[in-house]
């Protein structure tokens, strides 16, 4: 899919080259016609003069006519050169070759970033309502791993190992963990049972869990020691010094019924509004509701940071935030991860995959 995309870009570049060639021919032809008209006007002016001045004018007109003729001949030669079939073919092949080189270079870089580059990104975030005793607490966010046809157990194991090296207090997974059924992929997500944390591992659904059997996956993750926060919350920290960690089902489930529908109101109902709160919500689009309900920080994914340029510009049209940390208003922030895996082709361009280490301060 990614290679096809960049080939499509190369075809557009070839068409652009052809259009520029046609434009060049039109400009040259127009210049030739203008030069011919100028020569004719000069001849008429020479014929109209009289007396002794006529001799000088004739001589000047002859020189001007010669210059105009010489210029016209040069323009005709240039036009003929541009219209020559062999040269046109050479220019078209050159443009196509250059476009293929550019597209191939983009594809090669995108493949390298998609298959081998996984950044650990440290993000300090200040939450004014965070208890002072919890200042410095670390949360590792993983999202959009997309375990499936091209991402398997080896990649998951490497993610777990890198995460454990960060010595997190909490690990959160903000949706789109899998692209397949429990029967197909449970073996591949098995290494998730090996996280080492102080307070636990928590999960909120993404839209892809609903394509893959959300109930079965919730049960499977529980067997791996991962708590699924389905429109609910838990307390992180000690009894006297803690904050609320809230998980909401994905927005794609707004129209279904039952415990797996999207219902942020249910998740925060009865919560002490003076406590600090962090929301796990797969899609950034829920930030307005989060802000309205007094959430301090929303952690999201879904966008993949655009995954590969220039497709990222389209992604930016569908979500309020595409990547990074943003202050949505005076009291609510949002961090959008570029994602830990990839979806579709194993390609990323200018949007490297990440494991996010969030360091909270008060």
Protein backbone atom coordinates (compact mmCIF):
# COMPACT_ATOMS: atom_id res chain seq x y z
CA UNK A 1 0.00 0.00 0.00
CA UNK A 2 2.75 2.47 0.94
CA UNK A 3 4.81 1.64 -2.14
CA UNK A 4 1.73 2.08 -4.32
CA UNK A 5 1.16 5.45 -2.67
CA UNK A 6 4.65 6.67 -3.52
CA UNK A 7 4.35 5.29 -7.05
CA UNK A 8 1.16 7.33 -7.36
CA UNK A 9 3.15 10.40 -6.31
CA UNK A 10 5.74 9.60 -8.98
CA UNK A 11 3.02 9.40 -11.65
CA UNK A 12 1.80 12.83 -10.57
CA UNK A 13 5.33 14.15 -10.93
CA UNK A 14 5.60 12.69 -14.43
CA UNK A 15 2.33 14.34 -15.41
CA UNK A 16 3.62 17.61 -13.96
CA UNK A 17 6.72 17.31 -16.14
CA UNK A 18 4.62 16.74 -19.22
CA UNK A 19 2.46 19.73 -18.40
CA UNK A 20 5.53 21.93 -17.98
CA UNK A 21 6.84 20.71 -21.33
CA UNK A 22 3.58 21.64 -23.04
CA UNK A 23 3.63 25.02 -21.31
CA UNK A 24 7.17 25.62 -22.55
CA UNK A 25 6.17 24.85 -26.12
CA UNK A 26 3.23 27.26 -25.87
CA UNK A 27 5.42 30.07 -24.51
CA UNK A 28 8.03 29.58 -27.25
CA UNK A 29 5.36 29.56 -29.97
CA UNK A 30 3.84 32.76 -28.59
CA UNK A 31 7.27 34.43 -28.53
CA UNK A 32 7.84 33.46 -32.18
CA UNK A 33 4.54 34.97 -33.25
CA UNK A 34 5.31 38.17 -31.36
CA UNK A 35 8.73 38.45 -33.00
CA UNK A 36 7.21 37.99 -36.48
CA UNK A 37 4.62 40.69 -35.82
CA UNK A 38 7.32 43.07 -34.62
CA UNK A 39 9.35 42.53 -37.83
CA UNK A 40 6.32 43.28 -40.01
CA UNK A 41 5.61 46.49 -38.11
CA UNK A 42 9.21 47.61 -38.58
CA UNK A 43 8.98 47.08 -42.37
CA UNK A 44 5.76 49.17 -42.60
CA UNK A 45 7.35 52.03 -40.69
CA UNK A 46 10.36 52.01 -43.05
CA UNK A 47 8.14 52.24 -46.16
CA UNK A 48 6.26 55.24 -44.74
CA UNK A 49 9.29 57.55 -44.31
CA UNK A 50 10.30 60.16 -46.99
CA UNK A 51 13.13 62.54 -48.09
CA UNK A 52 16.71 62.27 -47.03
CA UNK A 53 15.64 60.56 -43.82
CA UNK A 54 14.26 57.72 -45.92
CA UNK A 55 17.72 56.53 -46.87
CA UNK A 56 18.82 56.33 -43.26
CA UNK A 57 15.55 54.78 -42.23
CA UNK A 58 15.84 52.19 -44.96
CA UNK A 59 19.30 51.28 -43.75
CA UNK A 60 18.08 51.11 -40.16
CA UNK A 61 15.01 49.15 -41.22
CA UNK A 62 17.19 46.70 -43.07
CA UNK A 63 19.34 46.18 -39.99
CA UNK A 64 16.26 45.80 -37.81
CA UNK A 65 14.71 43.36 -40.24
CA UNK A 66 17.90 41.35 -40.28
CA UNK A 67 17.98 41.23 -36.49
CA UNK A 68 14.31 40.29 -36.31
CA UNK A 69 14.77 37.61 -38.92
CA UNK A 70 17.78 36.28 -37.09
CA UNK A 71 15.79 36.16 -33.81
CA UNK A 72 12.85 34.52 -35.53
CA UNK A 73 15.13 31.88 -37.03
CA UNK A 74 16.58 31.16 -33.58
CA UNK A 75 13.07 30.90 -32.07
CA UNK A 76 11.97 28.61 -34.91
CA UNK A 77 14.98 26.41 -34.29
CA UNK A 78 14.21 26.26 -30.56
CA UNK A 79 10.57 25.44 -31.24
CA UNK A 80 11.55 22.74 -33.69
CA UNK A 81 13.91 21.32 -31.10
CA UNK A 82 11.15 21.18 -28.47
CA UNK A 83 8.70 19.64 -30.94
CA UNK A 84 11.21 17.02 -32.03
CA UNK A 85 9.74 13.58 -31.04
CA UNK A 86 13.09 12.19 -29.94
CA UNK A 87 13.73 15.10 -27.60
CA UNK A 88 10.21 14.93 -26.19
CA UNK A 89 10.69 11.24 -25.48
CA UNK A 90 14.03 11.95 -23.82
CA UNK A 91 12.50 14.66 -21.62
CA UNK A 92 9.58 12.42 -20.65
CA UNK A 93 11.92 9.57 -19.73
CA UNK A 94 14.13 11.92 -17.73
CA UNK A 95 11.16 13.28 -15.80
CA UNK A 96 9.84 9.79 -15.14
CA UNK A 97 13.26 8.63 -13.98
CA UNK A 98 13.64 11.56 -11.60
CA UNK A 99 10.14 10.98 -10.21
CA UNK A 100 10.88 7.29 -9.69
CA UNK A 101 14.11 8.12 -7.85
CA UNK A 102 12.31 10.58 -5.55
CA UNK A 103 9.44 8.16 -4.88
CA UNK A 104 11.86 5.28 -4.31
CA UNK A 105 13.89 7.36 -1.86
CA UNK A 106 10.78 8.28 0.13
CA UNK A 107 9.67 4.63 0.16
CA UNK A 108 13.11 3.41 1.32
CA UNK A 109 13.24 5.91 4.18
CA UNK A 110 9.64 5.12 5.14
CA UNK A 111 10.39 1.38 5.21
CA UNK A 112 13.45 1.93 7.40
CA UNK A 113 11.51 4.06 9.86
CA UNK A 114 8.57 1.68 9.87
CA UNK A 115 10.56 -1.50 10.41
CA UNK A 116 13.50 -0.54 12.58
CA UNK A 117 13.09 2.80 14.36
CA UNK A 118 11.30 2.89 17.71
CA UNK A 119 11.99 6.00 19.74
CA UNK A 120 11.76 6.34 23.50
CA UNK A 121 10.31 9.81 23.96
CA UNK A 122 10.40 11.38 27.43
CA UNK A 123 7.69 13.96 28.04
CA UNK A 124 7.52 15.94 31.30
CA UNK A 125 3.96 17.03 32.12
CA UNK A 126 2.96 19.28 34.98
CA UNK A 127 -0.36 18.61 36.71
CA UNK A 128 -1.01 21.31 39.32
CA UNK A 129 -3.46 19.10 41.26
CA UNK A 130 -1.09 16.12 41.44
CA UNK A 131 -0.19 15.28 45.07
CA UNK A 132 3.34 16.40 45.85
CA UNK A 133 4.24 12.88 46.99
CA UNK A 134 3.60 11.63 43.43
CA UNK A 135 5.75 14.23 41.69
CA UNK A 136 8.19 12.32 39.49
CA UNK A 137 5.83 9.39 38.91
CA UNK A 138 6.40 7.82 35.48
CA UNK A 139 3.79 6.52 33.07
CA UNK A 140 4.82 4.63 29.95
CA UNK A 141 2.23 4.97 27.21
CA UNK A 142 1.98 2.43 24.41
CA UNK A 143 -0.63 2.71 21.69
CA UNK A 144 -1.53 1.46 18.23
CA UNK A 145 0.78 -1.54 18.34
CA UNK A 146 -1.43 -3.32 15.78
CA UNK A 147 -0.27 -6.87 16.45
CA UNK A 148 -1.34 -8.79 13.37
CA UNK A 149 -0.12 -10.00 9.99
CA UNK A 150 3.26 -8.21 10.06
CA UNK A 151 3.74 -7.44 13.78
CA UNK A 152 4.18 -10.45 16.02
CA UNK A 153 5.63 -11.83 19.21
CA UNK A 154 9.21 -10.72 18.59
CA UNK A 155 8.22 -7.08 18.24
CA UNK A 156 5.93 -7.25 21.29
CA UNK A 157 8.74 -8.80 23.34
CA UNK A 158 11.13 -6.01 22.33
CA UNK A 159 8.56 -3.37 23.31
CA UNK A 160 8.11 -4.99 26.73
CA UNK A 161 11.87 -5.18 27.27
CA UNK A 162 12.39 -1.52 26.34
CA UNK A 163 9.49 -0.51 28.56
CA UNK A 164 10.84 -2.40 31.56
CA UNK A 165 14.21 -0.69 31.11
CA UNK A 166 12.42 2.60 31.79
CA UNK A 167 11.27 1.30 35.21
CA UNK A 168 7.73 2.69 34.91
CA UNK A 169 5.37 3.18 37.81
CA UNK A 170 2.41 2.64 35.48
CA UNK A 171 2.02 1.26 31.95
CA UNK A 172 -1.00 2.32 29.89
CA UNK A 173 -2.07 1.04 26.47
CA UNK A 174 -4.45 3.41 24.71
CA UNK A 175 -6.09 1.11 22.19
CA UNK A 176 -5.59 -0.58 18.83
CA UNK A 177 -3.38 -3.26 20.31
CA UNK A 178 -4.48 -5.97 17.86
CA UNK A 179 -5.72 -6.60 14.34
CA UNK A 180 -7.13 -10.09 14.66
CA UNK A 181 -8.92 -12.52 16.94
CA UNK A 182 -7.76 -13.92 20.27
CA UNK A 183 -7.42 -17.34 18.64
CA UNK A 184 -5.07 -15.91 16.01
CA UNK A 185 -2.97 -13.58 18.13
CA UNK A 186 -2.99 -14.52 21.81
CA UNK A 187 0.40 -16.21 21.52
CA UNK A 188 1.85 -13.06 19.98
CA UNK A 189 0.65 -10.74 22.75
CA UNK A 190 1.82 -13.18 25.44
CA UNK A 191 4.94 -11.14 26.33
CA UNK A 192 2.66 -8.39 27.67
CA UNK A 193 2.39 -10.48 30.83
CA UNK A 194 6.03 -9.61 31.58
CA UNK A 195 5.68 -5.90 32.30
CA UNK A 196 7.28 -4.82 35.57
CA UNK A 197 5.52 -1.87 37.19
CA UNK A 198 4.74 -0.42 40.59
CA UNK A 199 1.01 0.18 40.15
CA UNK A 200 -0.02 -2.00 37.23
CA UNK A 201 -0.84 -2.11 33.51
CA UNK A 202 -4.05 -0.57 32.19
CA UNK A 203 -5.82 -0.65 28.84
CA UNK A 204 -8.53 1.34 27.07
CA UNK A 205 -10.10 0.09 23.86
CA UNK A 206 -9.46 1.48 20.39
CA UNK A 207 -11.63 1.10 17.34
CA UNK A 208 -9.70 -1.96 16.12
CA UNK A 209 -10.60 -3.98 19.22
CA UNK A 210 -14.22 -3.76 18.10
CA UNK A 211 -13.27 -5.24 14.73
CA UNK A 212 -11.46 -8.11 16.46
CA UNK A 213 -13.85 -9.13 19.27
CA UNK A 214 -13.72 -6.64 22.11
CA UNK A 215 -15.22 -8.91 24.79
CA UNK A 216 -12.88 -11.79 24.02
CA UNK A 217 -9.88 -9.48 24.02
CA UNK A 218 -10.85 -7.91 27.35
CA UNK A 219 -10.93 -11.39 28.88
CA UNK A 220 -7.63 -12.32 27.24
CA UNK A 221 -5.87 -9.21 28.51
CA UNK A 222 -7.15 -9.89 32.02
CA UNK A 223 -5.42 -13.28 31.84
CA UNK A 224 -2.18 -11.43 31.08
CA UNK A 225 -2.58 -9.25 34.17
CA UNK A 226 -3.77 -6.17 32.28
CA UNK A 227 -6.76 -4.29 33.65
CA UNK A 228 -9.18 -3.00 31.03
CA UNK A 229 -10.79 0.28 32.07
CA UNK A 230 -14.13 0.16 30.26
CA UNK A 231 -15.84 3.44 31.16
CA UNK A 232 -14.40 3.20 34.64
CA UNK A 233 -11.59 4.52 36.82
CA UNK A 234 -9.08 3.40 39.39
CA UNK A 235 -6.88 5.10 41.94
CA UNK A 236 -3.11 5.33 41.39
CA UNK A 237 -0.87 5.89 44.39
CA UNK A 238 -1.21 5.38 48.09
CA UNK A 239 -4.59 5.75 49.81
CA UNK A 240 -3.85 9.29 51.02
CA UNK A 241 -1.94 10.52 47.98
CA UNK A 242 -3.37 9.37 44.69
CA UNK A 243 -4.98 10.46 41.44
CA UNK A 244 -7.75 9.04 39.26
CA UNK A 245 -6.82 7.02 36.19
CA UNK A 246 -9.87 6.87 33.92
CA UNK A 247 -10.44 4.69 30.88
CA UNK A 248 -13.17 5.22 28.30
CA UNK A 249 -14.27 2.91 25.50
CA UNK A 250 -13.52 4.13 22.00
CA UNK A 251 -15.73 6.79 20.39
CA UNK A 252 -16.59 4.41 17.56
CA UNK A 253 -18.79 2.57 20.09
CA UNK A 254 -21.05 5.54 20.87
CA UNK A 255 -24.07 3.99 19.17
CA UNK A 256 -23.93 0.47 20.60
CA UNK A 257 -25.61 -0.68 23.80
CA UNK A 258 -24.19 -2.44 26.82
CA UNK A 259 -20.98 -2.17 28.84
CA UNK A 260 -18.76 -1.70 25.79
CA UNK A 261 -20.36 1.48 24.51
CA UNK A 262 -18.52 4.78 24.77
CA UNK A 263 -19.68 6.56 27.94
CA UNK A 264 -17.31 9.04 29.54
CA UNK A 265 -20.07 10.36 31.79
CA UNK A 266 -20.33 6.94 33.44
CA UNK A 267 -16.56 6.78 33.89
CA UNK A 268 -16.38 10.00 35.90
CA UNK A 269 -19.72 9.79 37.72
CA UNK A 270 -19.26 10.31 41.47
CA UNK A 271 -15.62 11.33 41.15
CA UNK A 272 -14.13 13.90 43.54
CA UNK A 273 -13.59 16.89 41.22
CA UNK A 274 -10.70 18.17 43.34
CA UNK A 275 -8.55 15.12 42.58
CA UNK A 276 -6.08 15.07 39.70
CA UNK A 277 -7.21 12.89 36.82
CA UNK A 278 -5.70 11.27 33.74
CA UNK A 279 -7.93 9.89 31.00
CA UNK A 280 -7.07 7.07 28.59
CA UNK A 281 -9.05 7.79 25.41
CA UNK A 282 -7.97 6.30 22.11
CA UNK A 283 -9.07 9.17 19.84
CA UNK A 284 -8.08 12.81 20.43
CA UNK A 285 -11.54 13.90 19.28
CA UNK A 286 -12.92 13.29 22.77
CA UNK A 287 -10.92 16.15 24.27
CA UNK A 288 -13.88 18.55 24.38
CA UNK A 289 -15.86 16.15 26.59
CA UNK A 290 -12.79 15.51 28.74
CA UNK A 291 -12.27 19.23 29.30
CA UNK A 292 -15.94 19.76 30.10
CA UNK A 293 -15.79 17.02 32.73
CA UNK A 294 -12.68 18.40 34.43
CA UNK A 295 -10.01 15.96 33.21
CA UNK A 296 -6.46 17.24 33.76
CA UNK A 297 -4.69 15.16 31.11
CA UNK A 298 -5.89 12.99 28.23
CA UNK A 299 -3.58 10.37 26.72
CA UNK A 300 -4.48 9.35 23.16
CA UNK A 301 -3.22 7.67 20.02
CA UNK A 302 -5.15 6.69 16.88
CA UNK A 303 -3.52 9.21 14.52
CA UNK A 304 -0.13 7.44 14.21
CA UNK A 305 1.23 10.98 13.91
CA UNK A 306 0.07 10.76 10.30
CA UNK A 307 2.32 7.66 9.81
CA UNK A 308 3.74 8.78 6.48
CA UNK A 309 3.96 12.15 4.78
CA UNK A 310 2.07 13.69 3.00
CA UNK A 311 -0.88 11.55 4.18
CA UNK A 312 -0.37 13.25 7.55
CA UNK A 313 -2.06 16.38 6.19
CA UNK A 314 -5.29 14.41 5.68
CA UNK A 315 -5.11 12.96 9.20
CA UNK A 316 -4.79 16.47 10.60
CA UNK A 317 -8.18 17.32 9.08
CA UNK A 318 -9.96 14.57 11.05
CA UNK A 319 -8.57 15.11 14.57
CA UNK A 320 -8.06 18.24 16.68
CA UNK A 321 -4.51 17.16 17.55
CA UNK A 322 -2.25 14.84 15.58
CA UNK A 323 0.82 14.40 17.77
CA UNK A 324 2.59 15.77 20.82
CA UNK A 325 1.58 17.66 23.95
CA UNK A 326 -1.01 20.43 23.78
CA UNK A 327 -2.80 22.67 26.27
CA UNK A 328 -6.43 22.38 25.19
CA UNK A 329 -7.46 25.05 27.67
CA UNK A 330 -6.23 26.48 30.95
CA UNK A 331 -6.87 23.28 32.92
CA UNK A 332 -6.85 20.38 30.42
CA UNK A 333 -3.90 19.02 28.46
CA UNK A 334 -3.65 16.27 25.86
CA UNK A 335 -0.76 14.13 24.69
CA UNK A 336 -1.13 12.28 21.38
CA UNK A 337 1.40 9.53 20.70
CA UNK A 338 2.60 8.72 17.17
CA UNK A 339 1.97 5.07 18.04
CA UNK A 340 4.20 2.13 18.83
CA UNK A 341 3.58 0.00 15.74
CA UNK A 342 2.05 0.78 12.38
CA UNK A 343 -1.07 -0.01 10.41
CA UNK A 344 -1.10 -1.20 6.80
CA UNK A 345 2.27 -1.01 5.07
CA UNK A 346 5.33 -1.23 7.35
CA UNK A 347 6.15 2.39 6.61
CA UNK A 348 6.58 5.61 8.52
CA UNK A 349 7.86 8.91 7.18
CA UNK A 350 8.52 11.89 9.45
CA UNK A 351 6.37 10.24 12.15
CA UNK A 352 8.61 7.74 13.99
CA UNK A 353 7.05 5.09 16.23
CA UNK A 354 7.42 5.76 19.92
CA UNK A 355 7.36 4.42 23.44
CA UNK A 356 6.36 7.42 25.52
CA UNK A 357 7.76 7.94 29.00
CA UNK A 358 5.65 10.56 30.76
CA UNK A 359 7.11 12.13 33.89
CA UNK A 360 4.48 13.81 36.06
CA UNK A 361 5.25 16.84 38.19
CA UNK A 362 3.04 18.97 40.40
